[in-house]
Amino acid sequence: MIEGREKTNQLRGSIADILKQFFREGNTVARIGSDDFTLFFPDFDVEKAEMLKNRINEVDIKHNQSSLKETL
């Protein structure tokens, strides 16, 4: 069983993998706190940002569901 810092690092890696699916040249993603990330997409308006947020949430949910199956 993975615990503590190792588990935290694994979770951050999973978050990074999910976010990488949405990167394009000119976009910026930064970790600004222990578990906080900022995404900067300079050519996005509010509508595009909302769509991106929804897509990231969908991928995150799918990732969590598959991770849960692996642990059972």
PDB file of N, CA and C in Angstrom:
ATOM      1  N   MET A   1       0.831  -1.176   0.000  1.00  0.00           N
ATOM      2  CA  MET A   1       0.000   0.000   0.000  1.00  0.00           C
ATOM      3  C   MET A   1       0.879   1.245   0.000  1.00  0.00           C
ATOM      4  N   ILE A   2       0.526   2.194  -0.839  1.00  0.00           N
ATOM      5  CA  ILE A   2       1.276   3.451  -0.919  1.00  0.00           C
ATOM      6  C   ILE A   2       0.666   4.435   0.077  1.00  0.00           C
ATOM      7  N   GLU A   3       1.513   5.094   0.863  1.00  0.00           N
ATOM      8  CA  GLU A   3       1.022   6.028   1.871  1.00  0.00           C
ATOM      9  C   GLU A   3       1.870   7.286   1.908  1.00  0.00           C
ATOM     10  N   GLY A   4       1.349   8.296   2.594  1.00  0.00           N
ATOM     11  CA  GLY A   4       2.096   9.494   2.889  1.00  0.00           C
ATOM     12  C   GLY A   4       2.563  10.262   1.673  1.00  0.00           C
ATOM     13  N   ARG A   5       3.808  10.689   1.750  1.00  0.00           N
ATOM     14  CA  ARG A   5       4.386  11.541   0.714  1.00  0.00           C
ATOM     15  C   ARG A   5       4.383  10.865  -0.651  1.00  0.00           C
ATOM     16  N   GLU A   6       4.647   9.573  -0.673  1.00  0.00           N
ATOM     17  CA  GLU A   6       4.666   8.839  -1.938  1.00  0.00           C
ATOM     18  C   GLU A   6       3.285   8.885  -2.606  1.00  0.00           C
ATOM     19  N   LYS A   7       2.240   8.715  -1.826  1.00  0.00           N
ATOM     20  CA  LYS A   7       0.870   8.773  -2.358  1.00  0.00           C
ATOM     21  C   LYS A   7       0.560  10.186  -2.858  1.00  0.00           C
ATOM     22  N   THR A   8       0.961  11.188  -2.096  1.00  0.00           N
ATOM     23  CA  THR A   8       0.746  12.581  -2.496  1.00  0.00           C
ATOM     24  C   THR A   8       1.436  12.867  -3.823  1.00  0.00           C
ATOM     25  N   ASN A   9       2.667  12.425  -3.973  1.00  0.00           N
ATOM     26  CA  ASN A   9       3.392  12.629  -5.232  1.00  0.00           C
ATOM     27  C   ASN A   9       2.712  11.904  -6.385  1.00  0.00           C
ATOM     28  N   GLN A  10       2.196  10.711  -6.121  1.00  0.00           N
ATOM     29  CA  GLN A  10       1.483   9.959  -7.148  1.00  0.00           C
ATOM     30  C   GLN A  10       0.218  10.711  -7.579  1.00  0.00           C
ATOM     31  N   LEU A  11      -0.511  11.263  -6.614  1.00  0.00           N
ATOM     32  CA  LEU A  11      -1.723  12.022  -6.929  1.00  0.00           C
ATOM     33  C   LEU A  11      -1.408  13.279  -7.735  1.00  0.00           C
ATOM     34  N   ARG A  12      -0.349  13.985  -7.373  1.00  0.00           N
ATOM     35  CA  ARG A  12       0.058  15.180  -8.144  1.00  0.00           C
ATOM     36  C   ARG A  12       0.428  14.797  -9.568  1.00  0.00           C
ATOM     37  N   GLY A  13       1.091  13.664  -9.715  1.00  0.00           N
ATOM     38  CA  GLY A  13       1.427  13.184 -11.056  1.00  0.00           C
ATOM     39  C   GLY A  13       0.186  12.886 -11.873  1.00  0.00           C
ATOM     40  N   SER A  14      -0.828  12.316 -11.235  1.00  0.00           N
ATOM     41  CA  SER A  14      -2.090  12.041 -11.923  1.00  0.00           C
ATOM     42  C   SER A  14      -2.762  13.337 -12.364  1.00  0.00           C
ATOM     43  N   ILE A  15      -2.742  14.335 -11.496  1.00  0.00           N
ATOM     44  CA  ILE A  15      -3.313  15.636 -11.849  1.00  0.00           C
ATOM     45  C   ILE A  15      -2.567  16.225 -13.034  1.00  0.00           C
ATOM     46  N   ALA A  16      -1.249  16.155 -13.003  1.00  0.00           N
ATOM     47  CA  ALA A  16      -0.448  16.686 -14.112  1.00  0.00           C
ATOM     48  C   ALA A  16      -0.775  15.956 -15.413  1.00  0.00           C
ATOM     49  N   ASP A  17      -0.928  14.641 -15.354  1.00  0.00           N
ATOM     50  CA  ASP A  17      -1.266  13.864 -16.553  1.00  0.00           C
ATOM     51  C   ASP A  17      -2.611  14.291 -17.126  1.00  0.00           C
ATOM     52  N   ILE A  18      -3.585  14.531 -16.251  1.00  0.00           N
ATOM     53  CA  ILE A  18      -4.902  14.975 -16.707  1.00  0.00           C
ATOM     54  C   ILE A  18      -4.799  16.347 -17.356  1.00  0.00           C
ATOM     55  N   LEU A  19      -4.097  17.270 -16.713  1.00  0.00           N
ATOM     56  CA  LEU A  19      -4.002  18.631 -17.249  1.00  0.00           C
ATOM     57  C   LEU A  19      -3.236  18.683 -18.566  1.00  0.00           C
ATOM     58  N   LYS A  20      -2.227  17.824 -18.738  1.00  0.00           N
ATOM     59  CA  LYS A  20      -1.428  17.817 -19.966  1.00  0.00           C
ATOM     60  C   LYS A  20      -2.272  17.568 -21.211  1.00  0.00           C
ATOM     61  N   GLN A  21      -3.402  16.879 -21.043  1.00  0.00           N
ATOM     62  CA  GLN A  21      -4.262  16.588 -22.189  1.00  0.00           C
ATOM     63  C   GLN A  21      -4.836  17.859 -22.810  1.00  0.00           C
ATOM     64  N   PHE A  22      -4.805  18.960 -22.079  1.00  0.00           N
ATOM     65  CA  PHE A  22      -5.449  20.188 -22.527  1.00  0.00           C
ATOM     66  C   PHE A  22      -4.457  21.290 -22.897  1.00  0.00           C
ATOM     67  N   PHE A  23      -3.150  21.007 -22.823  1.00  0.00           N
ATOM     68  CA  PHE A  23      -2.132  22.010 -23.122  1.00  0.00           C
ATOM     69  C   PHE A  23      -1.987  22.234 -24.617  1.00  0.00           C
ATOM     70  N   ARG A  24      -1.749  23.467 -24.961  1.00  0.00           N
ATOM     71  CA  ARG A  24      -1.352  23.841 -26.313  1.00  0.00           C
ATOM     72  C   ARG A  24      -0.242  24.870 -26.170  1.00  0.00           C
ATOM     73  N   GLU A  25       0.468  25.093 -27.236  1.00  0.00           N
ATOM     74  CA  GLU A  25       1.522  26.101 -27.191  1.00  0.00           C
ATOM     75  C   GLU A  25       0.920  27.441 -26.800  1.00  0.00           C
ATOM     76  N   GLY A  26       1.553  28.123 -25.871  1.00  0.00           N
ATOM     77  CA  GLY A  26       1.067  29.412 -25.411  1.00  0.00           C
ATOM     78  C   GLY A  26       0.230  29.327 -24.145  1.00  0.00           C
ATOM     79  N   ASN A  27      -0.159  28.111 -23.743  1.00  0.00           N
ATOM     80  CA  ASN A  27      -0.911  27.924 -22.504  1.00  0.00           C
ATOM     81  C   ASN A  27       0.078  27.699 -21.372  1.00  0.00           C
ATOM     82  N   THR A  28      -0.330  28.071 -20.174  1.00  0.00           N
ATOM     83  CA  THR A  28       0.530  27.900 -19.015  1.00  0.00           C
ATOM     84  C   THR A  28      -0.243  27.213 -17.895  1.00  0.00           C
ATOM     85  N   VAL A  29       0.384  26.235 -17.295  1.00  0.00           N
ATOM     86  CA  VAL A  29      -0.167  25.587 -16.099  1.00  0.00           C
ATOM     87  C   VAL A  29       0.945  25.610 -15.055  1.00  0.00           C
ATOM     88  N   ALA A  30       0.591  26.062 -13.863  1.00  0.00           N
ATOM     89  CA  ALA A  30       1.588  26.159 -12.801  1.00  0.00           C
ATOM     90  C   ALA A  30       1.019  25.645 -11.497  1.00  0.00           C
ATOM     91  N   ARG A  31       1.861  24.981 -10.744  1.00  0.00           N
ATOM     92  CA  ARG A  31       1.484  24.587  -9.394  1.00  0.00           C
ATOM     93  C   ARG A  31       1.853  25.737  -8.477  1.00  0.00           C
ATOM     94  N   ILE A  32       0.863  26.318  -7.804  1.00  0.00           N
ATOM     95  CA  ILE A  32       1.113  27.520  -7.003  1.00  0.00           C
ATOM     96  C   ILE A  32       1.048  27.262  -5.499  1.00  0.00           C
ATOM     97  N   GLY A  33       0.689  26.080  -5.142  1.00  0.00           N
ATOM     98  CA  GLY A  33       0.615  25.710  -3.727  1.00  0.00           C
ATOM     99  C   GLY A  33       0.829  24.225  -3.627  1.00  0.00           C
ATOM    100  N   SER A  34       0.665  23.720  -2.464  1.00  0.00           N
ATOM    101  CA  SER A  34       0.926  22.302  -2.297  1.00  0.00           C
ATOM    102  C   SER A  34       0.064  21.458  -3.227  1.00  0.00           C
ATOM    103  N   ASP A  35      -1.226  21.794  -3.337  1.00  0.00           N
ATOM    104  CA  ASP A  35      -2.119  21.041  -4.224  1.00  0.00           C
ATOM    105  C   ASP A  35      -2.938  21.970  -5.110  1.00  0.00           C
ATOM    106  N   ASP A  36      -2.468  23.181  -5.327  1.00  0.00           N
ATOM    107  CA  ASP A  36      -3.202  24.171  -6.114  1.00  0.00           C
ATOM    108  C   ASP A  36      -2.507  24.410  -7.446  1.00  0.00           C
ATOM    109  N   PHE A  37      -3.311  24.434  -8.499  1.00  0.00           N
ATOM    110  CA  PHE A  37      -2.792  24.672  -9.839  1.00  0.00           C
ATOM    111  C   PHE A  37      -3.499  25.871 -10.445  1.00  0.00           C
ATOM    112  N   THR A  38      -2.787  26.631 -11.268  1.00  0.00           N
ATOM    113  CA  THR A  38      -3.364  27.732 -12.024  1.00  0.00           C
ATOM    114  C   THR A  38      -3.202  27.436 -13.495  1.00  0.00           C
ATOM    115  N   LEU A  39      -4.257  27.651 -14.257  1.00  0.00           N
ATOM    116  CA  LEU A  39      -4.214  27.450 -15.701  1.00  0.00           C
ATOM    117  C   LEU A  39      -4.411  28.799 -16.365  1.00  0.00           C
ATOM    118  N   PHE A  40      -3.553  29.128 -17.325  1.00  0.00           N
ATOM    119  CA  PHE A  40      -3.650  30.394 -18.041  1.00  0.00           C
ATOM    120  C   PHE A  40      -3.708  30.100 -19.531  1.00  0.00           C
ATOM    121  N   PHE A  41      -4.837  30.390 -20.119  1.00  0.00           N
ATOM    122  CA  PHE A  41      -5.062  30.210 -21.547  1.00  0.00           C
ATOM    123  C   PHE A  41      -5.407  31.586 -22.114  1.00  0.00           C
ATOM    124  N   PRO A  42      -4.412  32.327 -22.608  1.00  0.00           N
ATOM    125  CA  PRO A  42      -4.608  33.736 -22.957  1.00  0.00           C
ATOM    126  C   PRO A  42      -5.646  34.004 -24.043  1.00  0.00           C
ATOM    127  N   ASP A  43      -5.905  33.055 -24.924  1.00  0.00           N
ATOM    128  CA  ASP A  43      -6.852  33.332 -25.996  1.00  0.00           C
ATOM    129  C   ASP A  43      -8.237  32.743 -25.721  1.00  0.00           C
ATOM    130  N   PHE A  44      -8.525  32.429 -24.467  1.00  0.00           N
ATOM    131  CA  PHE A  44      -9.832  31.872 -24.103  1.00  0.00           C
ATOM    132  C   PHE A  44     -10.747  32.969 -23.573  1.00  0.00           C
ATOM    133  N   ASP A  45     -12.005  32.918 -23.997  1.00  0.00           N
ATOM    134  CA  ASP A  45     -13.010  33.778 -23.384  1.00  0.00           C
ATOM    135  C   ASP A  45     -13.709  32.960 -22.293  1.00  0.00           C
ATOM    136  N   VAL A  46     -14.691  33.547 -21.637  1.00  0.00           N
ATOM    137  CA  VAL A  46     -15.361  32.879 -20.526  1.00  0.00           C
ATOM    138  C   VAL A  46     -16.043  31.586 -20.984  1.00  0.00           C
ATOM    139  N   GLU A  47     -16.652  31.613 -22.144  1.00  0.00           N
ATOM    140  CA  GLU A  47     -17.353  30.424 -22.654  1.00  0.00           C
ATOM    141  C   GLU A  47     -16.380  29.269 -22.897  1.00  0.00           C
ATOM    142  N   LYS A  48     -15.250  29.548 -23.532  1.00  0.00           N
ATOM    143  CA  LYS A  48     -14.251  28.500 -23.773  1.00  0.00           C
ATOM    144  C   LYS A  48     -13.681  27.980 -22.460  1.00  0.00           C
ATOM    145  N   ALA A  49     -13.461  28.873 -21.508  1.00  0.00           N
ATOM    146  CA  ALA A  49     -12.922  28.459 -20.208  1.00  0.00           C
ATOM    147  C   ALA A  49     -13.913  27.545 -19.486  1.00  0.00           C
ATOM    148  N   GLU A  50     -15.192  27.861 -19.577  1.00  0.00           N
ATOM    149  CA  GLU A  50     -16.219  27.019 -18.946  1.00  0.00           C
ATOM    150  C   GLU A  50     -16.251  25.637 -19.595  1.00  0.00           C
ATOM    151  N   MET A  51     -16.157  25.595 -20.922  1.00  0.00           N
ATOM    152  CA  MET A  51     -16.139  24.316 -21.636  1.00  0.00           C
ATOM    153  C   MET A  51     -14.919  23.498 -21.221  1.00  0.00           C
ATOM    154  N   LEU A  52     -13.761  24.143 -21.124  1.00  0.00           N
ATOM    155  CA  LEU A  52     -12.538  23.452 -20.713  1.00  0.00           C
ATOM    156  C   LEU A  52     -12.680  22.916 -19.293  1.00  0.00           C
ATOM    157  N   LYS A  53     -13.221  23.722 -18.402  1.00  0.00           N
ATOM    158  CA  LYS A  53     -13.436  23.279 -17.018  1.00  0.00           C
ATOM    159  C   LYS A  53     -14.298  22.017 -16.985  1.00  0.00           C
ATOM    160  N   ASN A  54     -15.356  22.004 -17.769  1.00  0.00           N
ATOM    161  CA  ASN A  54     -16.246  20.840 -17.810  1.00  0.00           C
ATOM    162  C   ASN A  54     -15.530  19.613 -18.360  1.00  0.00           C
ATOM    163  N   ARG A  55     -14.718  19.795 -19.394  1.00  0.00           N
ATOM    164  CA  ARG A  55     -13.975  18.666 -19.962  1.00  0.00           C
ATOM    165  C   ARG A  55     -12.958  18.119 -18.967  1.00  0.00           C
ATOM    166  N   ILE A  56     -12.263  18.989 -18.267  1.00  0.00           N
ATOM    167  CA  ILE A  56     -11.297  18.546 -17.260  1.00  0.00           C
ATOM    168  C   ILE A  56     -12.020  17.778 -16.155  1.00  0.00           C
ATOM    169  N   ASN A  57     -13.165  18.279 -15.721  1.00  0.00           N
ATOM    170  CA  ASN A  57     -13.941  17.579 -14.694  1.00  0.00           C
ATOM    171  C   ASN A  57     -14.363  16.192 -15.171  1.00  0.00           C
ATOM    172  N   GLU A  58     -14.792  16.067 -16.418  1.00  0.00           N
ATOM    173  CA  GLU A  58     -15.192  14.767 -16.962  1.00  0.00           C
ATOM    174  C   GLU A  58     -14.025  13.784 -16.972  1.00  0.00           C
ATOM    175  N   VAL A  59     -12.869  14.254 -17.417  1.00  0.00           N
ATOM    176  CA  VAL A  59     -11.684  13.385 -17.453  1.00  0.00           C
ATOM    177  C   VAL A  59     -11.282  12.998 -16.036  1.00  0.00           C
ATOM    178  N   ASP A  60     -11.377  13.927 -15.115  1.00  0.00           N
ATOM    179  CA  ASP A  60     -11.033  13.652 -13.724  1.00  0.00           C
ATOM    180  C   ASP A  60     -11.956  12.582 -13.140  1.00  0.00           C
ATOM    181  N   ILE A  61     -13.245  12.687 -13.407  1.00  0.00           N
ATOM    182  CA  ILE A  61     -14.206  11.703 -12.907  1.00  0.00           C
ATOM    183  C   ILE A  61     -13.888  10.324 -13.479  1.00  0.00           C
ATOM    184  N   LYS A  62     -13.620  10.246 -14.786  1.00  0.00           N
ATOM    185  CA  LYS A  62     -13.287   8.960 -15.400  1.00  0.00           C
ATOM    186  C   LYS A  62     -12.011   8.381 -14.797  1.00  0.00           C
ATOM    187  N   HIS A  63     -11.019   9.244 -14.585  1.00  0.00           N
ATOM    188  CA  HIS A  63      -9.753   8.798 -13.988  1.00  0.00           C
ATOM    189  C   HIS A  63      -9.995   8.239 -12.588  1.00  0.00           C
ATOM    190  N   ASN A  64     -10.795   8.955 -11.795  1.00  0.00           N
ATOM    191  CA  ASN A  64     -11.064   8.504 -10.433  1.00  0.00           C
ATOM    192  C   ASN A  64     -11.816   7.184 -10.425  1.00  0.00           C
ATOM    193  N   GLN A  65     -12.743   7.012 -11.351  1.00  0.00           N
ATOM    194  CA  GLN A  65     -13.500   5.762 -11.408  1.00  0.00           C
ATOM    195  C   GLN A  65     -12.588   4.594 -11.774  1.00  0.00           C
ATOM    196  N   SER A  66     -11.683   4.806 -12.731  1.00  0.00           N
ATOM    197  CA  SER A  66     -10.790   3.721 -13.115  1.00  0.00           C
ATOM    198  C   SER A  66      -9.776   3.431 -12.004  1.00  0.00           C
ATOM    199  N   SER A  67      -9.328   4.452 -11.289  1.00  0.00           N
ATOM    200  CA  SER A  67      -8.396   4.244 -10.174  1.00  0.00           C
ATOM    201  C   SER A  67      -9.063   3.467  -9.058  1.00  0.00           C
ATOM    202  N   LEU A  68     -10.338   3.750  -8.817  1.00  0.00           N
ATOM    203  CA  LEU A  68     -11.066   3.047  -7.770  1.00  0.00           C
ATOM    204  C   LEU A  68     -11.206   1.568  -8.121  1.00  0.00           C
ATOM    205  N   LYS A  69     -11.483   1.264  -9.384  1.00  0.00           N
ATOM    206  CA  LYS A  69     -11.596  -0.132  -9.807  1.00  0.00           C
ATOM    207  C   LYS A  69     -10.291  -0.888  -9.609  1.00  0.00           C
ATOM    208  N   GLU A  70      -9.165  -0.201  -9.844  1.00  0.00           N
ATOM    209  CA  GLU A  70      -7.853  -0.843  -9.699  1.00  0.00           C
ATOM    210  C   GLU A  70      -7.567  -1.186  -8.245  1.00  0.00           C
ATOM    211  N   THR A  71      -8.089  -0.411  -7.301  1.00  0.00           N
ATOM    212  CA  THR A  71      -7.803  -0.666  -5.894  1.00  0.00           C
ATOM    213  C   THR A  71      -8.728  -1.706  -5.283  1.00  0.00           C
ATOM    214  N   LEU A  72      -9.840  -2.016  -5.971  1.00  0.00           N
ATOM    215  CA  LEU A  72     -10.786  -3.002  -5.410  1.00  0.00           C
ATOM    216  C   LEU A  72     -10.402  -4.392  -5.735  1.00  0.00           C
TER     217      LEU A  72
END
